[in-house]
Amino acid sequence: MSGFRRGVRLGIDVGRARVGVARCDPDGLLATPVETVKRDDGAVARVVALAEEYSAAEILVGLPLNLRGEDTASTADARDFAAAVAAASALPVRLVDERLSTVSAHAALRDSGRSQRSSRSIVDQVAAVVLLQQALDVEKSTGRPPGTPVPQEPA
């Protein structure tokens, strides 16, 4: 655990209609849901505001690769969203592999007895929790920050 960097992190699950947001405690022990942000012109600003509200040290954006680790239709969208967040915030932004996080989120909600329809409003938050928890676990086991940094370029 020596390589683990302390600090609150936000996990972001980027979808076409909604953006799921999760956060962890400063010790990175537990990821918890924060909110589902409507995907519109204000989504990036809302994510940045949440990062400030929770005094986040870093923002982790899920990168939806296919099972072979290749880009998908959603990958470019997630990269663009991460770049917009990086441009709008002084915080470091990292892209982390989120393969199966949405699938895991749906399975967890189904296992808890929720229907697909009743889960729609929170599945993005749960997917953000899953990807953030996976990223924290990777950092704890390897001692290295998860994923790849997004360059901080002005928009």
N, C-alpha and C. Protein backbone atom coordinates (compact mmCIF):
# COMPACT_ATOMS: atom_id res chain seq x y z
N MET A 1 0.82 -1.19 0.00
CA MET A 1 0.00 0.00 0.00
C MET A 1 0.86 1.25 0.00
N SER A 2 2.16 1.09 0.00
CA SER A 2 3.05 2.24 0.10
C SER A 2 2.91 3.20 -1.06
N GLY A 3 2.57 2.69 -2.28
CA GLY A 3 2.48 3.56 -3.44
C GLY A 3 1.14 4.24 -3.60
N PHE A 4 0.20 4.01 -2.69
CA PHE A 4 -1.13 4.59 -2.85
C PHE A 4 -1.12 6.06 -2.48
N ARG A 5 -1.64 6.88 -3.38
CA ARG A 5 -1.72 8.32 -3.16
C ARG A 5 -3.03 8.65 -2.45
N ARG A 6 -2.94 9.33 -1.32
CA ARG A 6 -4.15 9.73 -0.60
C ARG A 6 -4.92 10.79 -1.38
N GLY A 7 -6.20 10.87 -1.13
CA GLY A 7 -7.02 11.93 -1.72
C GLY A 7 -8.32 11.40 -2.29
N VAL A 8 -9.34 12.25 -2.20
CA VAL A 8 -10.63 11.91 -2.78
C VAL A 8 -10.49 11.87 -4.30
N ARG A 9 -11.11 10.88 -4.92
CA ARG A 9 -11.15 10.82 -6.38
C ARG A 9 -12.60 10.71 -6.81
N LEU A 10 -12.89 11.27 -7.98
CA LEU A 10 -14.20 11.08 -8.59
C LEU A 10 -14.05 10.06 -9.70
N GLY A 11 -15.02 9.15 -9.79
CA GLY A 11 -15.10 8.20 -10.90
C GLY A 11 -16.23 8.65 -11.80
N ILE A 12 -15.99 8.69 -13.10
CA ILE A 12 -16.98 9.20 -14.06
C ILE A 12 -17.28 8.12 -15.09
N ASP A 13 -18.57 7.75 -15.21
CA ASP A 13 -19.02 6.81 -16.24
C ASP A 13 -19.77 7.64 -17.28
N VAL A 14 -19.17 7.79 -18.47
CA VAL A 14 -19.73 8.65 -19.51
C VAL A 14 -20.68 7.85 -20.38
N GLY A 15 -21.93 8.31 -20.45
CA GLY A 15 -22.91 7.68 -21.35
C GLY A 15 -23.45 8.72 -22.30
N ARG A 16 -24.19 8.29 -23.31
CA ARG A 16 -24.73 9.25 -24.28
C ARG A 16 -25.81 10.14 -23.66
N ALA A 17 -26.62 9.59 -22.74
CA ALA A 17 -27.71 10.38 -22.15
C ALA A 17 -27.39 10.86 -20.74
N ARG A 18 -26.56 10.09 -20.03
CA ARG A 18 -26.29 10.40 -18.63
C ARG A 18 -24.82 10.13 -18.31
N VAL A 19 -24.34 10.83 -17.25
CA VAL A 19 -22.98 10.65 -16.76
C VAL A 19 -23.08 10.25 -15.29
N GLY A 20 -22.58 9.06 -14.96
CA GLY A 20 -22.60 8.62 -13.57
C GLY A 20 -21.37 9.14 -12.85
N VAL A 21 -21.58 9.59 -11.60
CA VAL A 21 -20.48 10.12 -10.81
C VAL A 21 -20.42 9.38 -9.47
N ALA A 22 -19.21 8.96 -9.11
CA ALA A 22 -18.97 8.32 -7.82
C ALA A 22 -17.76 9.00 -7.19
N ARG A 23 -17.58 8.80 -5.88
CA ARG A 23 -16.41 9.36 -5.20
C ARG A 23 -15.89 8.32 -4.22
N CYS A 24 -14.66 8.53 -3.78
CA CYS A 24 -14.11 7.67 -2.72
C CYS A 24 -13.66 8.56 -1.58
N ASP A 25 -13.43 7.92 -0.43
CA ASP A 25 -12.90 8.62 0.74
C ASP A 25 -11.41 8.91 0.50
N PRO A 26 -10.80 9.78 1.31
CA PRO A 26 -9.39 10.14 1.09
C PRO A 26 -8.42 8.96 1.14
N ASP A 27 -8.79 7.89 1.85
CA ASP A 27 -7.91 6.72 1.93
C ASP A 27 -8.17 5.73 0.80
N GLY A 28 -9.16 6.02 -0.06
CA GLY A 28 -9.43 5.14 -1.19
C GLY A 28 -9.98 3.79 -0.79
N LEU A 29 -10.65 3.73 0.37
CA LEU A 29 -11.17 2.45 0.84
C LEU A 29 -12.47 2.08 0.16
N LEU A 30 -13.36 3.07 -0.05
CA LEU A 30 -14.69 2.75 -0.53
C LEU A 30 -15.18 3.77 -1.54
N ALA A 31 -15.65 3.29 -2.67
CA ALA A 31 -16.27 4.15 -3.68
C ALA A 31 -17.77 4.16 -3.43
N THR A 32 -18.38 5.36 -3.47
CA THR A 32 -19.81 5.50 -3.24
C THR A 32 -20.44 6.36 -4.33
N PRO A 33 -21.73 6.11 -4.65
CA PRO A 33 -22.39 6.90 -5.69
C PRO A 33 -22.60 8.34 -5.25
N VAL A 34 -22.51 9.27 -6.19
CA VAL A 34 -22.73 10.69 -5.91
C VAL A 34 -24.01 11.15 -6.60
N GLU A 35 -24.02 11.14 -7.93
CA GLU A 35 -25.23 11.54 -8.66
C GLU A 35 -25.12 11.14 -10.11
N THR A 36 -26.28 11.21 -10.79
CA THR A 36 -26.33 11.01 -12.23
C THR A 36 -26.54 12.38 -12.86
N VAL A 37 -25.62 12.77 -13.73
CA VAL A 37 -25.66 14.08 -14.37
C VAL A 37 -26.26 13.91 -15.76
N LYS A 38 -27.24 14.74 -16.10
CA LYS A 38 -27.82 14.71 -17.44
C LYS A 38 -26.75 15.11 -18.44
N ARG A 39 -26.63 14.37 -19.51
CA ARG A 39 -25.60 14.65 -20.53
C ARG A 39 -26.10 15.77 -21.43
N ASP A 40 -25.72 16.98 -21.10
CA ASP A 40 -26.07 18.14 -21.90
C ASP A 40 -24.91 19.12 -21.87
N ASP A 41 -25.15 20.34 -22.30
CA ASP A 41 -24.08 21.34 -22.37
C ASP A 41 -23.49 21.66 -20.99
N GLY A 42 -24.23 21.38 -19.92
CA GLY A 42 -23.75 21.69 -18.58
C GLY A 42 -23.08 20.53 -17.87
N ALA A 43 -22.96 19.38 -18.53
CA ALA A 43 -22.45 18.17 -17.87
C ALA A 43 -21.01 18.33 -17.40
N VAL A 44 -20.14 18.87 -18.26
CA VAL A 44 -18.73 19.04 -17.89
C VAL A 44 -18.61 19.99 -16.70
N ALA A 45 -19.35 21.09 -16.74
CA ALA A 45 -19.29 22.06 -15.64
C ALA A 45 -19.79 21.43 -14.35
N ARG A 46 -20.82 20.57 -14.42
CA ARG A 46 -21.34 19.92 -13.22
C ARG A 46 -20.31 18.96 -12.63
N VAL A 47 -19.62 18.20 -13.47
CA VAL A 47 -18.58 17.28 -13.00
C VAL A 47 -17.46 18.06 -12.31
N VAL A 48 -17.05 19.17 -12.92
CA VAL A 48 -16.00 20.01 -12.33
C VAL A 48 -16.48 20.58 -10.99
N ALA A 49 -17.74 21.02 -10.92
CA ALA A 49 -18.29 21.56 -9.67
C ALA A 49 -18.33 20.48 -8.59
N LEU A 50 -18.68 19.25 -8.96
CA LEU A 50 -18.69 18.15 -7.98
C LEU A 50 -17.28 17.87 -7.48
N ALA A 51 -16.30 17.93 -8.39
CA ALA A 51 -14.91 17.70 -8.00
C ALA A 51 -14.49 18.75 -6.96
N GLU A 52 -14.90 20.00 -7.19
CA GLU A 52 -14.57 21.06 -6.23
C GLU A 52 -15.31 20.86 -4.91
N GLU A 53 -16.60 20.51 -5.01
CA GLU A 53 -17.43 20.31 -3.82
C GLU A 53 -16.85 19.23 -2.90
N TYR A 54 -16.33 18.17 -3.50
CA TYR A 54 -15.79 17.05 -2.71
C TYR A 54 -14.28 17.17 -2.50
N SER A 55 -13.69 18.30 -2.89
CA SER A 55 -12.24 18.52 -2.77
C SER A 55 -11.45 17.36 -3.37
N ALA A 56 -11.85 16.96 -4.56
CA ALA A 56 -11.21 15.82 -5.23
C ALA A 56 -9.76 16.16 -5.60
N ALA A 57 -8.91 15.16 -5.53
CA ALA A 57 -7.52 15.31 -5.93
C ALA A 57 -7.31 14.88 -7.38
N GLU A 58 -8.29 14.11 -7.91
CA GLU A 58 -8.13 13.53 -9.25
C GLU A 58 -9.51 13.10 -9.76
N ILE A 59 -9.65 13.10 -11.09
CA ILE A 59 -10.88 12.64 -11.73
C ILE A 59 -10.53 11.47 -12.64
N LEU A 60 -11.21 10.35 -12.43
CA LEU A 60 -10.97 9.15 -13.24
C LEU A 60 -12.18 8.94 -14.14
N VAL A 61 -11.94 8.97 -15.46
CA VAL A 61 -13.02 8.80 -16.43
C VAL A 61 -12.90 7.41 -17.05
N GLY A 62 -14.01 6.68 -17.04
CA GLY A 62 -14.02 5.33 -17.60
C GLY A 62 -13.86 5.34 -19.10
N LEU A 63 -12.99 4.48 -19.60
CA LEU A 63 -12.75 4.34 -21.04
C LEU A 63 -13.34 3.01 -21.49
N PRO A 64 -14.46 3.06 -22.23
CA PRO A 64 -15.14 1.82 -22.62
C PRO A 64 -14.48 1.14 -23.82
N LEU A 65 -13.58 0.24 -23.54
CA LEU A 65 -12.93 -0.56 -24.59
C LEU A 65 -13.73 -1.85 -24.77
N ASN A 66 -13.55 -2.51 -25.92
CA ASN A 66 -14.21 -3.81 -26.06
C ASN A 66 -13.39 -4.87 -25.33
N LEU A 67 -13.87 -6.10 -25.33
CA LEU A 67 -13.20 -7.14 -24.54
C LEU A 67 -11.79 -7.44 -25.02
N ARG A 68 -11.48 -7.06 -26.28
CA ARG A 68 -10.11 -7.25 -26.79
C ARG A 68 -9.23 -6.04 -26.50
N GLY A 69 -9.79 -5.02 -25.80
CA GLY A 69 -9.01 -3.84 -25.46
C GLY A 69 -8.95 -2.82 -26.58
N GLU A 70 -9.87 -2.94 -27.53
CA GLU A 70 -9.88 -2.01 -28.66
C GLU A 70 -10.95 -0.94 -28.45
N ASP A 71 -10.79 0.18 -29.18
CA ASP A 71 -11.77 1.26 -29.10
C ASP A 71 -13.14 0.79 -29.59
N THR A 72 -14.18 1.41 -29.02
CA THR A 72 -15.56 1.17 -29.44
C THR A 72 -16.15 2.51 -29.87
N ALA A 73 -17.40 2.51 -30.29
CA ALA A 73 -18.07 3.75 -30.68
C ALA A 73 -18.09 4.74 -29.51
N SER A 74 -18.17 4.21 -28.28
CA SER A 74 -18.25 5.07 -27.10
C SER A 74 -16.88 5.58 -26.63
N THR A 75 -15.80 4.97 -27.13
CA THR A 75 -14.46 5.33 -26.65
C THR A 75 -14.10 6.77 -26.98
N ALA A 76 -14.35 7.18 -28.23
CA ALA A 76 -14.02 8.56 -28.63
C ALA A 76 -14.83 9.55 -27.82
N ASP A 77 -16.10 9.22 -27.55
CA ASP A 77 -16.96 10.09 -26.76
C ASP A 77 -16.39 10.26 -25.35
N ALA A 78 -15.96 9.17 -24.75
CA ALA A 78 -15.38 9.24 -23.39
C ALA A 78 -14.08 10.04 -23.41
N ARG A 79 -13.25 9.83 -24.43
CA ARG A 79 -11.99 10.60 -24.54
C ARG A 79 -12.28 12.09 -24.68
N ASP A 80 -13.29 12.44 -25.51
CA ASP A 80 -13.65 13.85 -25.71
C ASP A 80 -14.17 14.46 -24.41
N PHE A 81 -15.00 13.70 -23.68
CA PHE A 81 -15.55 14.20 -22.42
C PHE A 81 -14.42 14.42 -21.41
N ALA A 82 -13.50 13.46 -21.33
CA ALA A 82 -12.36 13.57 -20.41
C ALA A 82 -11.50 14.78 -20.76
N ALA A 83 -11.28 15.01 -22.06
CA ALA A 83 -10.48 16.16 -22.49
C ALA A 83 -11.18 17.47 -22.11
N ALA A 84 -12.51 17.51 -22.25
CA ALA A 84 -13.27 18.71 -21.89
C ALA A 84 -13.18 18.97 -20.38
N VAL A 85 -13.26 17.89 -19.58
CA VAL A 85 -13.14 18.03 -18.13
C VAL A 85 -11.73 18.52 -17.77
N ALA A 86 -10.72 17.94 -18.42
CA ALA A 86 -9.33 18.34 -18.16
C ALA A 86 -9.11 19.81 -18.50
N ALA A 87 -9.75 20.27 -19.59
CA ALA A 87 -9.58 21.66 -20.00
C ALA A 87 -10.31 22.62 -19.05
N ALA A 88 -11.39 22.13 -18.42
CA ALA A 88 -12.21 22.98 -17.56
C ALA A 88 -11.77 22.95 -16.10
N SER A 89 -10.84 22.06 -15.76
CA SER A 89 -10.44 21.88 -14.37
C SER A 89 -8.92 21.88 -14.26
N ALA A 90 -8.43 22.29 -13.12
CA ALA A 90 -6.98 22.24 -12.88
C ALA A 90 -6.56 20.86 -12.37
N LEU A 91 -7.53 20.00 -12.09
CA LEU A 91 -7.22 18.68 -11.52
C LEU A 91 -6.70 17.72 -12.58
N PRO A 92 -5.86 16.76 -12.15
CA PRO A 92 -5.45 15.71 -13.08
C PRO A 92 -6.66 14.85 -13.45
N VAL A 93 -6.75 14.49 -14.72
CA VAL A 93 -7.80 13.62 -15.23
C VAL A 93 -7.11 12.41 -15.85
N ARG A 94 -7.60 11.21 -15.51
CA ARG A 94 -7.02 9.98 -16.05
C ARG A 94 -8.12 9.15 -16.68
N LEU A 95 -7.79 8.49 -17.78
CA LEU A 95 -8.71 7.55 -18.43
C LEU A 95 -8.39 6.15 -17.91
N VAL A 96 -9.40 5.46 -17.39
CA VAL A 96 -9.19 4.11 -16.86
C VAL A 96 -10.08 3.11 -17.59
N ASP A 97 -9.51 1.94 -17.86
CA ASP A 97 -10.22 0.86 -18.52
C ASP A 97 -11.46 0.52 -17.69
N GLU A 98 -12.62 0.60 -18.31
CA GLU A 98 -13.84 0.30 -17.56
C GLU A 98 -14.59 -0.88 -18.16
N ARG A 99 -13.87 -1.75 -18.85
CA ARG A 99 -14.54 -2.91 -19.43
C ARG A 99 -15.37 -3.61 -18.37
N LEU A 100 -16.58 -3.89 -18.72
CA LEU A 100 -17.53 -4.62 -17.87
C LEU A 100 -18.10 -3.85 -16.69
N SER A 101 -17.73 -2.58 -16.48
CA SER A 101 -18.29 -1.88 -15.32
C SER A 101 -19.80 -1.71 -15.42
N THR A 102 -20.31 -1.38 -16.62
CA THR A 102 -21.76 -1.22 -16.77
C THR A 102 -22.44 -2.58 -16.66
N VAL A 103 -21.82 -3.61 -17.25
CA VAL A 103 -22.37 -4.97 -17.14
C VAL A 103 -22.41 -5.39 -15.67
N SER A 104 -21.32 -5.12 -14.93
CA SER A 104 -21.27 -5.45 -13.50
C SER A 104 -22.32 -4.67 -12.73
N ALA A 105 -22.52 -3.42 -13.09
CA ALA A 105 -23.51 -2.58 -12.41
C ALA A 105 -24.91 -3.14 -12.63
N HIS A 106 -25.24 -3.49 -13.88
CA HIS A 106 -26.56 -4.06 -14.15
C HIS A 106 -26.76 -5.37 -13.38
N ALA A 107 -25.71 -6.19 -13.34
CA ALA A 107 -25.81 -7.48 -12.63
C ALA A 107 -26.03 -7.25 -11.14
N ALA A 108 -25.30 -6.30 -10.56
CA ALA A 108 -25.44 -6.01 -9.12
C ALA A 108 -26.84 -5.51 -8.82
N LEU A 109 -27.36 -4.65 -9.66
CA LEU A 109 -28.71 -4.12 -9.43
C LEU A 109 -29.76 -5.22 -9.61
N ARG A 110 -29.56 -6.07 -10.62
CA ARG A 110 -30.48 -7.20 -10.84
C ARG A 110 -30.46 -8.13 -9.64
N ASP A 111 -29.25 -8.41 -9.14
CA ASP A 111 -29.10 -9.29 -7.98
C ASP A 111 -29.76 -8.70 -6.74
N SER A 112 -29.87 -7.37 -6.68
CA SER A 112 -30.49 -6.74 -5.52
C SER A 112 -32.01 -6.65 -5.69
N GLY A 113 -32.52 -7.19 -6.79
CA GLY A 113 -33.96 -7.26 -6.98
C GLY A 113 -34.55 -6.09 -7.75
N ARG A 114 -33.72 -5.24 -8.31
CA ARG A 114 -34.24 -4.09 -9.07
C ARG A 114 -34.43 -4.47 -10.52
N SER A 115 -35.50 -3.97 -11.12
CA SER A 115 -35.73 -4.21 -12.54
C SER A 115 -34.83 -3.28 -13.35
N GLN A 116 -34.66 -3.63 -14.63
CA GLN A 116 -33.85 -2.79 -15.52
C GLN A 116 -34.43 -1.38 -15.56
N ARG A 117 -35.76 -1.28 -15.62
CA ARG A 117 -36.39 0.04 -15.72
C ARG A 117 -36.16 0.86 -14.45
N SER A 118 -36.33 0.25 -13.28
CA SER A 118 -36.17 1.00 -12.03
C SER A 118 -34.70 1.32 -11.76
N SER A 119 -33.82 0.62 -12.44
CA SER A 119 -32.37 0.85 -12.24
C SER A 119 -31.82 1.93 -13.14
N ARG A 120 -32.57 2.33 -14.15
CA ARG A 120 -32.02 3.22 -15.18
C ARG A 120 -31.42 4.49 -14.58
N SER A 121 -32.09 5.05 -13.58
CA SER A 121 -31.63 6.33 -13.03
C SER A 121 -30.35 6.20 -12.21
N ILE A 122 -30.06 5.01 -11.71
CA ILE A 122 -28.86 4.87 -10.87
C ILE A 122 -27.79 3.98 -11.44
N VAL A 123 -28.08 3.29 -12.57
CA VAL A 123 -27.08 2.35 -13.10
C VAL A 123 -25.78 3.06 -13.46
N ASP A 124 -25.88 4.32 -13.91
CA ASP A 124 -24.67 5.07 -14.28
C ASP A 124 -23.82 5.36 -13.05
N GLN A 125 -24.48 5.67 -11.92
CA GLN A 125 -23.73 5.91 -10.67
C GLN A 125 -23.06 4.62 -10.21
N VAL A 126 -23.80 3.50 -10.32
CA VAL A 126 -23.23 2.22 -9.89
C VAL A 126 -22.06 1.83 -10.79
N ALA A 127 -22.18 2.08 -12.10
CA ALA A 127 -21.07 1.81 -13.02
C ALA A 127 -19.86 2.67 -12.65
N ALA A 128 -20.11 3.92 -12.26
CA ALA A 128 -19.01 4.81 -11.84
C ALA A 128 -18.36 4.28 -10.56
N VAL A 129 -19.16 3.74 -9.64
CA VAL A 129 -18.63 3.14 -8.41
C VAL A 129 -17.74 1.95 -8.78
N VAL A 130 -18.23 1.08 -9.68
CA VAL A 130 -17.47 -0.11 -10.07
C VAL A 130 -16.13 0.28 -10.70
N LEU A 131 -16.14 1.25 -11.63
CA LEU A 131 -14.88 1.61 -12.29
C LEU A 131 -13.92 2.29 -11.32
N LEU A 132 -14.46 3.11 -10.40
CA LEU A 132 -13.60 3.78 -9.43
C LEU A 132 -12.99 2.75 -8.47
N GLN A 133 -13.81 1.81 -7.99
CA GLN A 133 -13.30 0.80 -7.06
C GLN A 133 -12.22 -0.05 -7.74
N GLN A 134 -12.45 -0.41 -9.01
CA GLN A 134 -11.44 -1.19 -9.75
C GLN A 134 -10.14 -0.40 -9.87
N ALA A 135 -10.25 0.91 -10.17
CA ALA A 135 -9.05 1.75 -10.31
C ALA A 135 -8.30 1.85 -8.98
N LEU A 136 -9.04 2.01 -7.88
CA LEU A 136 -8.40 2.08 -6.55
C LEU A 136 -7.67 0.78 -6.24
N ASP A 137 -8.34 -0.34 -6.55
CA ASP A 137 -7.74 -1.66 -6.28
C ASP A 137 -6.47 -1.86 -7.11
N VAL A 138 -6.49 -1.40 -8.37
CA VAL A 138 -5.31 -1.52 -9.23
C VAL A 138 -4.15 -0.71 -8.64
N GLU A 139 -4.46 0.53 -8.22
CA GLU A 139 -3.39 1.38 -7.66
C GLU A 139 -2.82 0.75 -6.38
N LYS A 140 -3.69 0.20 -5.54
CA LYS A 140 -3.22 -0.41 -4.29
C LYS A 140 -2.36 -1.64 -4.57
N SER A 141 -2.72 -2.42 -5.59
CA SER A 141 -1.96 -3.65 -5.84
C SER A 141 -0.67 -3.39 -6.61
N THR A 142 -0.62 -2.33 -7.43
CA THR A 142 0.58 -2.08 -8.25
C THR A 142 1.42 -0.94 -7.71
N GLY A 143 0.82 -0.05 -6.90
CA GLY A 143 1.54 1.12 -6.42
C GLY A 143 1.67 2.22 -7.47
N ARG A 144 0.96 2.03 -8.60
CA ARG A 144 1.01 3.03 -9.68
C ARG A 144 -0.38 3.59 -9.93
N PRO A 145 -0.47 4.86 -10.33
CA PRO A 145 -1.77 5.43 -10.67
C PRO A 145 -2.41 4.64 -11.81
N PRO A 146 -3.72 4.43 -11.77
CA PRO A 146 -4.39 3.66 -12.81
C PRO A 146 -4.56 4.46 -14.10
N GLY A 147 -4.65 3.76 -15.20
CA GLY A 147 -5.00 4.40 -16.46
C GLY A 147 -3.92 5.30 -17.02
N THR A 148 -4.35 6.19 -17.91
CA THR A 148 -3.43 7.10 -18.58
C THR A 148 -3.88 8.54 -18.38
N PRO A 149 -2.93 9.46 -18.16
CA PRO A 149 -3.31 10.86 -17.93
C PRO A 149 -3.86 11.51 -19.20
N VAL A 150 -4.80 12.42 -19.01
CA VAL A 150 -5.34 13.23 -20.10
C VAL A 150 -4.57 14.54 -20.08
N PRO A 151 -3.99 14.95 -21.22
CA PRO A 151 -3.23 16.21 -21.24
C PRO A 151 -4.10 17.39 -20.84
N GLN A 152 -3.53 18.31 -20.05
CA GLN A 152 -4.24 19.51 -19.61
C GLN A 152 -4.01 20.61 -20.63
N GLU A 153 -4.79 20.59 -21.70
CA GLU A 153 -4.64 21.62 -22.73
C GLU A 153 -5.81 22.58 -22.65
N PRO A 154 -5.57 23.86 -22.88
CA PRO A 154 -6.69 24.80 -22.89
C PRO A 154 -7.64 24.47 -24.03
N ALA A 155 -8.94 24.63 -23.78
CA ALA A 155 -9.95 24.28 -24.79
C ALA A 155 -9.93 25.27 -25.95
